[in-house]
Amino acid sequence: IHHFPRKAGTSKYGISKRLIGTPIDCFIYLWIK
């Protein structure tokens, strides 16, 4: 699909959430699986 630069406002999803939150959530997913 197409993707565009953000024209207004600011991102609410920080870099730290991607790098820290993902490994923790992976273990939660494995438990659910």
PDB file of all heavy atoms in Angstrom:
ATOM      1  N   ILE A   1       0.838  -1.200   0.000  1.00  0.00           N
ATOM      2  CA  ILE A   1       0.000   0.000   0.000  1.00  0.00           C
ATOM      3  C   ILE A   1       0.874   1.251   0.000  1.00  0.00           C
ATOM      4  O   ILE A   1       2.087   1.187   0.194  1.00  0.00           O
ATOM      5  CB  ILE A   1      -0.945   0.031   1.221  1.00  0.00           C
ATOM      6  CG1 ILE A   1      -0.135   0.081   2.515  1.00  0.00           C
ATOM      7  CG2 ILE A   1      -1.907  -1.140   1.211  1.00  0.00           C
ATOM      8  CD1 ILE A   1      -0.919   0.534   3.715  1.00  0.00           C
ATOM      9  N   HIS A   2       0.229   2.399  -0.186  1.00  0.00           N
ATOM     10  CA  HIS A   2       0.920   3.681  -0.139  1.00  0.00           C
ATOM     11  C   HIS A   2       1.142   4.125   1.306  1.00  0.00           C
ATOM     12  O   HIS A   2       0.375   3.759   2.203  1.00  0.00           O
ATOM     13  CB  HIS A   2       0.100   4.748  -0.878  1.00  0.00           C
ATOM     14  CG  HIS A   2      -0.148   4.434  -2.312  1.00  0.00           C
ATOM     15  ND1 HIS A   2      -1.257   3.714  -2.732  1.00  0.00           N
ATOM     16  CD2 HIS A   2       0.560   4.723  -3.431  1.00  0.00           C
ATOM     17  CE1 HIS A   2      -1.224   3.584  -4.044  1.00  0.00           C
ATOM     18  NE2 HIS A   2      -0.138   4.172  -4.495  1.00  0.00           N
ATOM     19  N   HIS A   3       2.175   4.933   1.510  1.00  0.00           N
ATOM     20  CA  HIS A   3       2.445   5.493   2.832  1.00  0.00           C
ATOM     21  C   HIS A   3       2.922   6.930   2.654  1.00  0.00           C
ATOM     22  O   HIS A   3       3.638   7.247   1.702  1.00  0.00           O
ATOM     23  CB  HIS A   3       3.501   4.661   3.574  1.00  0.00           C
ATOM     24  CG  HIS A   3       3.613   4.988   5.022  1.00  0.00           C
ATOM     25  ND1 HIS A   3       4.703   5.615   5.574  1.00  0.00           N
ATOM     26  CD2 HIS A   3       2.744   4.788   6.051  1.00  0.00           C
ATOM     27  CE1 HIS A   3       4.515   5.764   6.872  1.00  0.00           C
ATOM     28  NE2 HIS A   3       3.331   5.286   7.183  1.00  0.00           N
ATOM     29  N   PHE A   4       2.507   7.799   3.582  1.00  0.00           N
ATOM     30  CA  PHE A   4       2.756   9.226   3.447  1.00  0.00           C
ATOM     31  C   PHE A   4       3.341   9.794   4.735  1.00  0.00           C
ATOM     32  O   PHE A   4       3.123   9.249   5.826  1.00  0.00           O
ATOM     33  CB  PHE A   4       1.440   9.958   3.138  1.00  0.00           C
ATOM     34  CG  PHE A   4       0.690   9.379   1.973  1.00  0.00           C
ATOM     35  CD1 PHE A   4      -0.290   8.407   2.160  1.00  0.00           C
ATOM     36  CD2 PHE A   4       0.970   9.799   0.685  1.00  0.00           C
ATOM     37  CE1 PHE A   4      -0.981   7.872   1.089  1.00  0.00           C
ATOM     38  CE2 PHE A   4       0.289   9.262  -0.399  1.00  0.00           C
ATOM     39  CZ  PHE A   4      -0.684   8.298  -0.196  1.00  0.00           C
ATOM     40  N   PRO A   5       4.056  10.922   4.644  1.00  0.00           N
ATOM     41  CA  PRO A   5       4.538  11.591   5.866  1.00  0.00           C
ATOM     42  C   PRO A   5       3.367  12.131   6.680  1.00  0.00           C
ATOM     43  O   PRO A   5       2.313  12.464   6.121  1.00  0.00           O
ATOM     44  CB  PRO A   5       5.397  12.742   5.325  1.00  0.00           C
ATOM     45  CG  PRO A   5       5.662  12.414   3.894  1.00  0.00           C
ATOM     46  CD  PRO A   5       4.492  11.612   3.419  1.00  0.00           C
ATOM     47  N   ARG A   6       3.539  12.193   7.986  1.00  0.00           N
ATOM     48  CA  ARG A   6       2.510  12.818   8.831  1.00  0.00           C
ATOM     49  C   ARG A   6       2.506  14.321   8.565  1.00  0.00           C
ATOM     50  O   ARG A   6       3.540  14.978   8.650  1.00  0.00           O
ATOM     51  CB  ARG A   6       2.806  12.539  10.311  1.00  0.00           C
ATOM     52  CG  ARG A   6       1.800  13.188  11.253  1.00  0.00           C
ATOM     53  CD  ARG A   6       2.223  13.008  12.706  1.00  0.00           C
ATOM     54  NE  ARG A   6       1.584  11.881  13.344  1.00  0.00           N
ATOM     55  CZ  ARG A   6       0.414  11.918  13.960  1.00  0.00           C
ATOM     56  NH1 ARG A   6      -0.273  13.054  13.990  1.00  0.00           N
ATOM     57  NH2 ARG A   6      -0.081  10.856  14.538  1.00  0.00           N
ATOM     58  N   LYS A   7       1.305  14.872   8.264  1.00  0.00           N
ATOM     59  CA  LYS A   7       1.181  16.287   7.952  1.00  0.00           C
ATOM     60  C   LYS A   7       0.837  17.145   9.161  1.00  0.00           C
ATOM     61  O   LYS A   7       1.112  18.342   9.174  1.00  0.00           O
ATOM     62  CB  LYS A   7       0.111  16.485   6.861  1.00  0.00           C
ATOM     63  CG  LYS A   7       0.511  15.950   5.502  1.00  0.00           C
ATOM     64  CD  LYS A   7      -0.537  16.292   4.461  1.00  0.00           C
ATOM     65  CE  LYS A   7      -0.119  15.807   3.078  1.00  0.00           C
ATOM     66  NZ  LYS A   7      -1.133  16.143   2.043  1.00  0.00           N
ATOM     67  N   ALA A   8       0.186  16.563  10.157  1.00  0.00           N
ATOM     68  CA  ALA A   8      -0.257  17.346  11.315  1.00  0.00           C
ATOM     69  C   ALA A   8      -0.230  16.469  12.558  1.00  0.00           C
ATOM     70  O   ALA A   8      -0.316  15.241  12.479  1.00  0.00           O
ATOM     71  CB  ALA A   8      -1.660  17.895  11.089  1.00  0.00           C
ATOM     72  N   GLY A   9      -0.123  17.125  13.724  1.00  0.00           N
ATOM     73  CA  GLY A   9      -0.105  16.388  14.975  1.00  0.00           C
ATOM     74  C   GLY A   9       1.226  15.682  15.201  1.00  0.00           C
ATOM     75  O   GLY A   9       2.171  15.802  14.420  1.00  0.00           O
ATOM     76  N   THR A  10       1.297  14.918  16.283  1.00  0.00           N
ATOM     77  CA  THR A  10       2.522  14.207  16.649  1.00  0.00           C
ATOM     78  C   THR A  10       2.203  12.746  16.943  1.00  0.00           C
ATOM     79  O   THR A  10       1.099  12.407  17.364  1.00  0.00           O
ATOM     80  CB  THR A  10       3.178  14.831  17.895  1.00  0.00           C
ATOM     81  OG1 THR A  10       2.244  14.819  18.986  1.00  0.00           O
ATOM     82  CG2 THR A  10       3.615  16.263  17.613  1.00  0.00           C
ATOM     83  N   SER A  11       3.194  11.889  16.736  1.00  0.00           N
ATOM     84  CA  SER A  11       3.013  10.470  16.993  1.00  0.00           C
ATOM     85  C   SER A  11       2.812  10.224  18.481  1.00  0.00           C
ATOM     86  O   SER A  11       3.469  10.835  19.325  1.00  0.00           O
ATOM     87  CB  SER A  11       4.242   9.697  16.495  1.00  0.00           C
ATOM     88  OG  SER A  11       4.144   8.335  16.850  1.00  0.00           O
ATOM     89  N   LYS A  12       1.893   9.321  18.817  1.00  0.00           N
ATOM     90  CA  LYS A  12       1.637   8.974  20.223  1.00  0.00           C
ATOM     91  C   LYS A  12       2.304   7.652  20.604  1.00  0.00           C
ATOM     92  O   LYS A  12       2.113   7.156  21.703  1.00  0.00           O
ATOM     93  CB  LYS A  12       0.116   8.843  20.462  1.00  0.00           C
ATOM     94  CG  LYS A  12      -0.724   9.966  19.875  1.00  0.00           C
ATOM     95  CD  LYS A  12      -0.309  11.335  20.356  1.00  0.00           C
ATOM     96  CE  LYS A  12      -1.235  12.435  19.867  1.00  0.00           C
ATOM     97  NZ  LYS A  12      -1.311  12.575  18.417  1.00  0.00           N
ATOM     98  N   TYR A  13       3.096   7.104  19.680  1.00  0.00           N
ATOM     99  CA  TYR A  13       3.661   5.770  19.876  1.00  0.00           C
ATOM    100  C   TYR A  13       5.173   5.881  19.799  1.00  0.00           C
ATOM    101  O   TYR A  13       5.745   5.925  18.718  1.00  0.00           O
ATOM    102  CB  TYR A  13       3.123   4.830  18.803  1.00  0.00           C
ATOM    103  CG  TYR A  13       3.423   3.364  19.012  1.00  0.00           C
ATOM    104  CD1 TYR A  13       3.463   2.812  20.286  1.00  0.00           C
ATOM    105  CD2 TYR A  13       3.642   2.535  17.924  1.00  0.00           C
ATOM    106  CE1 TYR A  13       3.730   1.466  20.464  1.00  0.00           C
ATOM    107  CE2 TYR A  13       3.907   1.182  18.094  1.00  0.00           C
ATOM    108  CZ  TYR A  13       3.949   0.659  19.377  1.00  0.00           C
ATOM    109  OH  TYR A  13       4.212  -0.669  19.550  1.00  0.00           O
ATOM    110  N   GLY A  14       5.856   5.939  20.952  1.00  0.00           N
ATOM    111  CA  GLY A  14       7.282   6.203  21.008  1.00  0.00           C
ATOM    112  C   GLY A  14       8.150   5.009  20.653  1.00  0.00           C
ATOM    113  O   GLY A  14       7.714   3.872  20.632  1.00  0.00           O
ATOM    114  N   ILE A  15       9.427   5.292  20.379  1.00  0.00           N
ATOM    115  CA  ILE A  15      10.400   4.266  20.031  1.00  0.00           C
ATOM    116  C   ILE A  15      10.573   3.272  21.183  1.00  0.00           C
ATOM    117  O   ILE A  15      10.666   2.059  20.973  1.00  0.00           O
ATOM    118  CB  ILE A  15      11.765   4.915  19.696  1.00  0.00           C
ATOM    119  CG1 ILE A  15      11.610   5.925  18.546  1.00  0.00           C
ATOM    120  CG2 ILE A  15      12.782   3.843  19.346  1.00  0.00           C
ATOM    121  CD1 ILE A  15      11.116   5.347  17.263  1.00  0.00           C
ATOM    122  N   SER A  16      10.579   3.773  22.414  1.00  0.00           N
ATOM    123  CA  SER A  16      10.811   2.893  23.570  1.00  0.00           C
ATOM    124  C   SER A  16       9.719   1.844  23.701  1.00  0.00           C
ATOM    125  O   SER A  16       9.973   0.700  24.095  1.00  0.00           O
ATOM    126  CB  SER A  16      10.892   3.726  24.856  1.00  0.00           C
ATOM    127  OG  SER A  16       9.679   4.432  25.076  1.00  0.00           O
ATOM    128  N   LYS A  17       8.471   2.192  23.352  1.00  0.00           N
ATOM    129  CA  LYS A  17       7.373   1.225  23.441  1.00  0.00           C
ATOM    130  C   LYS A  17       7.566   0.084  22.457  1.00  0.00           C
ATOM    131  O   LYS A  17       7.216  -1.059  22.729  1.00  0.00           O
ATOM    132  CB  LYS A  17       6.032   1.925  23.200  1.00  0.00           C
ATOM    133  CG  LYS A  17       5.608   2.845  24.333  1.00  0.00           C
ATOM    134  CD  LYS A  17       4.235   3.424  24.077  1.00  0.00           C
ATOM    135  CE  LYS A  17       3.789   4.315  25.227  1.00  0.00           C
ATOM    136  NZ  LYS A  17       2.447   4.895  24.980  1.00  0.00           N
ATOM    137  N   ARG A  18       8.128   0.410  21.279  1.00  0.00           N
ATOM    138  CA  ARG A  18       8.368  -0.642  20.295  1.00  0.00           C
ATOM    139  C   ARG A  18       9.450  -1.607  20.776  1.00  0.00           C
ATOM    140  O   ARG A  18       9.314  -2.821  20.655  1.00  0.00           O
ATOM    141  CB  ARG A  18       8.797  -0.012  18.962  1.00  0.00           C
ATOM    142  CG  ARG A  18       7.674   0.635  18.189  1.00  0.00           C
ATOM    143  CD  ARG A  18       8.168   1.090  16.815  1.00  0.00           C
ATOM    144  NE  ARG A  18       7.069   1.610  16.011  1.00  0.00           N
ATOM    145  CZ  ARG A  18       6.672   2.866  16.028  1.00  0.00           C
ATOM    146  NH1 ARG A  18       7.279   3.720  16.824  1.00  0.00           N
ATOM    147  NH2 ARG A  18       5.666   3.264  15.281  1.00  0.00           N
ATOM    148  N   LEU A  19      10.528  -1.054  21.306  1.00  0.00           N
ATOM    149  CA  LEU A  19      11.677  -1.879  21.640  1.00  0.00           C
ATOM    150  C   LEU A  19      11.542  -2.578  22.987  1.00  0.00           C
ATOM    151  O   LEU A  19      12.072  -3.672  23.182  1.00  0.00           O
ATOM    152  CB  LEU A  19      12.951  -1.020  21.623  1.00  0.00           C
ATOM    153  CG  LEU A  19      13.313  -0.428  20.251  1.00  0.00           C
ATOM    154  CD1 LEU A  19      14.589   0.384  20.347  1.00  0.00           C
ATOM    155  CD2 LEU A  19      13.457  -1.531  19.209  1.00  0.00           C
ATOM    156  N   ILE A  20      10.844  -1.958  23.931  1.00  0.00           N
ATOM    157  CA  ILE A  20      10.674  -2.559  25.256  1.00  0.00           C
ATOM    158  C   ILE A  20       9.386  -3.367  25.332  1.00  0.00           C
ATOM    159  O   ILE A  20       9.362  -4.484  25.848  1.00  0.00           O
ATOM    160  CB  ILE A  20      10.685  -1.461  26.353  1.00  0.00           C
ATOM    161  CG1 ILE A  20      12.051  -0.742  26.360  1.00  0.00           C
ATOM    162  CG2 ILE A  20      10.391  -2.068  27.717  1.00  0.00           C
ATOM    163  CD1 ILE A  20      12.099   0.449  27.281  1.00  0.00           C
ATOM    164  N   GLY A  21       8.294  -2.795  24.791  1.00  0.00           N
ATOM    165  CA  GLY A  21       7.003  -3.456  24.914  1.00  0.00           C
ATOM    166  C   GLY A  21       6.897  -4.740  24.118  1.00  0.00           C
ATOM    167  O   GLY A  21       6.284  -5.719  24.568  1.00  0.00           O
ATOM    168  N   THR A  22       7.515  -4.784  22.936  1.00  0.00           N
ATOM    169  CA  THR A  22       7.370  -5.950  22.067  1.00  0.00           C
ATOM    170  C   THR A  22       7.866  -7.250  22.703  1.00  0.00           C
ATOM    171  O   THR A  22       7.146  -8.256  22.694  1.00  0.00           O
ATOM    172  CB  THR A  22       8.060  -5.711  20.713  1.00  0.00           C
ATOM    173  OG1 THR A  22       7.419  -4.614  20.053  1.00  0.00           O
ATOM    174  CG2 THR A  22       7.968  -6.939  19.830  1.00  0.00           C
ATOM    175  N   PRO A  23       9.108  -7.310  23.267  1.00  0.00           N
ATOM    176  CA  PRO A  23       9.553  -8.579  23.871  1.00  0.00           C
ATOM    177  C   PRO A  23       8.656  -9.035  25.019  1.00  0.00           C
ATOM    178  O   PRO A  23       8.371 -10.233  25.158  1.00  0.00           O
ATOM    179  CB  PRO A  23      10.969  -8.241  24.377  1.00  0.00           C
ATOM    180  CG  PRO A  23      11.404  -7.095  23.541  1.00  0.00           C
ATOM    181  CD  PRO A  23      10.176  -6.293  23.282  1.00  0.00           C
ATOM    182  N   ILE A  24       8.191  -8.094  25.839  1.00  0.00           N
ATOM    183  CA  ILE A  24       7.311  -8.456  26.959  1.00  0.00           C
ATOM    184  C   ILE A  24       6.004  -9.036  26.427  1.00  0.00           C
ATOM    185  O   ILE A  24       5.522 -10.075  26.883  1.00  0.00           O
ATOM    186  CB  ILE A  24       7.032  -7.219  27.832  1.00  0.00           C
ATOM    187  CG1 ILE A  24       8.333  -6.739  28.487  1.00  0.00           C
ATOM    188  CG2 ILE A  24       5.980  -7.536  28.902  1.00  0.00           C
ATOM    189  CD1 ILE A  24       8.200  -5.410  29.206  1.00  0.00           C
ATOM    190  N   ASP A  25       5.429  -8.368  25.439  1.00  0.00           N
ATOM    191  CA  ASP A  25       4.166  -8.834  24.862  1.00  0.00           C
ATOM    192  C   ASP A  25       4.325 -10.177  24.163  1.00  0.00           C
ATOM    193  O   ASP A  25       3.365 -10.957  24.087  1.00  0.00           O
ATOM    194  CB  ASP A  25       3.620  -7.798  23.881  1.00  0.00           C
ATOM    195  CG  ASP A  25       3.175  -6.521  24.568  1.00  0.00           C
ATOM    196  OD1 ASP A  25       2.926  -6.560  25.791  1.00  0.00           O
ATOM    197  OD2 ASP A  25       3.074  -5.484  23.886  1.00  0.00           O
ATOM    198  N   CYS A  26       5.516 -10.459  23.640  1.00  0.00           N
ATOM    199  CA  CYS A  26       5.754 -11.745  22.989  1.00  0.00           C
ATOM    200  C   CYS A  26       5.566 -12.903  23.967  1.00  0.00           C
ATOM    201  O   CYS A  26       5.013 -13.950  23.618  1.00  0.00           O
ATOM    202  CB  CYS A  26       7.163 -11.788  22.395  1.00  0.00           C
ATOM    203  SG  CYS A  26       7.326 -10.914  20.821  1.00  0.00           S
ATOM    204  N   PHE A  27       6.025 -12.720  25.197  1.00  0.00           N
ATOM    205  CA  PHE A  27       5.856 -13.777  26.198  1.00  0.00           C
ATOM    206  C   PHE A  27       4.382 -13.934  26.574  1.00  0.00           C
ATOM    207  O   PHE A  27       3.920 -15.057  26.833  1.00  0.00           O
ATOM    208  CB  PHE A  27       6.706 -13.479  27.431  1.00  0.00           C
ATOM    209  CG  PHE A  27       8.172 -13.717  27.220  1.00  0.00           C
ATOM    210  CD1 PHE A  27       9.049 -12.663  27.047  1.00  0.00           C
ATOM    211  CD2 PHE A  27       8.675 -15.016  27.163  1.00  0.00           C
ATOM    212  CE1 PHE A  27      10.403 -12.883  26.835  1.00  0.00           C
ATOM    213  CE2 PHE A  27      10.028 -15.255  26.959  1.00  0.00           C
ATOM    214  CZ  PHE A  27      10.895 -14.179  26.791  1.00  0.00           C
ATOM    215  N   ILE A  28       3.651 -12.827  26.617  1.00  0.00           N
ATOM    216  CA  ILE A  28       2.213 -12.911  26.874  1.00  0.00           C
ATOM    217  C   ILE A  28       1.536 -13.689  25.758  1.00  0.00           C
ATOM    218  O   ILE A  28       0.676 -14.546  26.009  1.00  0.00           O
ATOM    219  CB  ILE A  28       1.599 -11.499  27.001  1.00  0.00           C
ATOM    220  CG1 ILE A  28       2.201 -10.766  28.206  1.00  0.00           C
ATOM    221  CG2 ILE A  28       0.076 -11.585  27.135  1.00  0.00           C
ATOM    222  CD1 ILE A  28       1.772  -9.319  28.311  1.00  0.00           C
ATOM    223  N   TYR A  29       1.922 -13.386  24.508  1.00  0.00           N
ATOM    224  CA  TYR A  29       1.351 -14.104  23.369  1.00  0.00           C
ATOM    225  C   TYR A  29       1.634 -15.603  23.460  1.00  0.00           C
ATOM    226  O   TYR A  29       0.740 -16.430  23.194  1.00  0.00           O
ATOM    227  CB  TYR A  29       1.908 -13.554  22.053  1.00  0.00           C
ATOM    228  CG  TYR A  29       1.643 -14.478  20.896  1.00  0.00           C
ATOM    229  CD1 TYR A  29       0.380 -14.554  20.311  1.00  0.00           C
ATOM    230  CD2 TYR A  29       2.640 -15.328  20.418  1.00  0.00           C
ATOM    231  CE1 TYR A  29       0.126 -15.438  19.285  1.00  0.00           C
ATOM    232  CE2 TYR A  29       2.391 -16.216  19.386  1.00  0.00           C
ATOM    233  CZ  TYR A  29       1.135 -16.262  18.824  1.00  0.00           C
ATOM    234  OH  TYR A  29       0.886 -17.153  17.815  1.00  0.00           O
ATOM    235  N   LEU A  30       2.855 -15.975  23.826  1.00  0.00           N
ATOM    236  CA  LEU A  30       3.194 -17.401  23.927  1.00  0.00           C
ATOM    237  C   LEU A  30       2.336 -18.094  24.977  1.00  0.00           C
ATOM    238  O   LEU A  30       1.923 -19.245  24.797  1.00  0.00           O
ATOM    239  CB  LEU A  30       4.678 -17.567  24.261  1.00  0.00           C
ATOM    240  CG  LEU A  30       5.672 -17.243  23.143  1.00  0.00           C
ATOM    241  CD1 LEU A  30       7.097 -17.463  23.627  1.00  0.00           C
ATOM    242  CD2 LEU A  30       5.396 -18.074  21.894  1.00  0.00           C
ATOM    243  N   TRP A  31       2.065 -17.399  26.083  1.00  0.00           N
ATOM    244  CA  TRP A  31       1.204 -17.973  27.121  1.00  0.00           C
ATOM    245  C   TRP A  31      -0.213 -18.167  26.581  1.00  0.00           C
ATOM    246  O   TRP A  31      -0.828 -19.216  26.782  1.00  0.00           O
ATOM    247  CB  TRP A  31       1.187 -17.066  28.344  1.00  0.00           C
ATOM    248  CG  TRP A  31       0.393 -17.629  29.477  1.00  0.00           C
ATOM    249  CD1 TRP A  31       0.823 -18.480  30.462  1.00  0.00           C
ATOM    250  CD2 TRP A  31      -1.001 -17.387  29.764  1.00  0.00           C
ATOM    251  NE1 TRP A  31      -0.209 -18.781  31.325  1.00  0.00           N
ATOM    252  CE2 TRP A  31      -1.341 -18.128  30.922  1.00  0.00           C
ATOM    253  CE3 TRP A  31      -1.987 -16.612  29.144  1.00  0.00           C
ATOM    254  CZ2 TRP A  31      -2.617 -18.117  31.471  1.00  0.00           C
ATOM    255  CZ3 TRP A  31      -3.269 -16.602  29.692  1.00  0.00           C
ATOM    256  CH2 TRP A  31      -3.562 -17.344  30.844  1.00  0.00           C
ATOM    257  N   ILE A  32      -0.716 -17.152  25.867  1.00  0.00           N
ATOM    258  CA  ILE A  32      -2.063 -17.260  25.283  1.00  0.00           C
ATOM    259  C   ILE A  32      -2.110 -18.385  24.261  1.00  0.00           C
ATOM    260  O   ILE A  32      -3.076 -19.163  24.213  1.00  0.00           O
ATOM    261  CB  ILE A  32      -2.469 -15.915  24.648  1.00  0.00           C
ATOM    262  CG1 ILE A  32      -2.749 -14.885  25.744  1.00  0.00           C
ATOM    263  CG2 ILE A  32      -3.689 -16.074  23.742  1.00  0.00           C
ATOM    264  CD1 ILE A  32      -3.013 -13.490  25.223  1.00  0.00           C
ATOM    265  N   LYS A  33      -1.089 -18.490  23.437  1.00  0.00           N
ATOM    266  CA  LYS A  33      -1.049 -19.545  22.424  1.00  0.00           C
ATOM    267  C   LYS A  33      -1.123 -20.919  23.068  1.00  0.00           C
ATOM    268  O   LYS A  33      -1.808 -21.825  22.578  1.00  0.00           O
ATOM    269  CB  LYS A  33       0.228 -19.428  21.595  1.00  0.00           C
ATOM    270  CG  LYS A  33       0.341 -20.471  20.491  1.00  0.00           C
ATOM    271  CD  LYS A  33       1.630 -20.285  19.702  1.00  0.00           C
ATOM    272  CE  LYS A  33       1.746 -21.341  18.604  1.00  0.00           C
ATOM    273  NZ  LYS A  33       3.005 -21.191  17.832  1.00  0.00           N
TER     274      LYS A  33
END
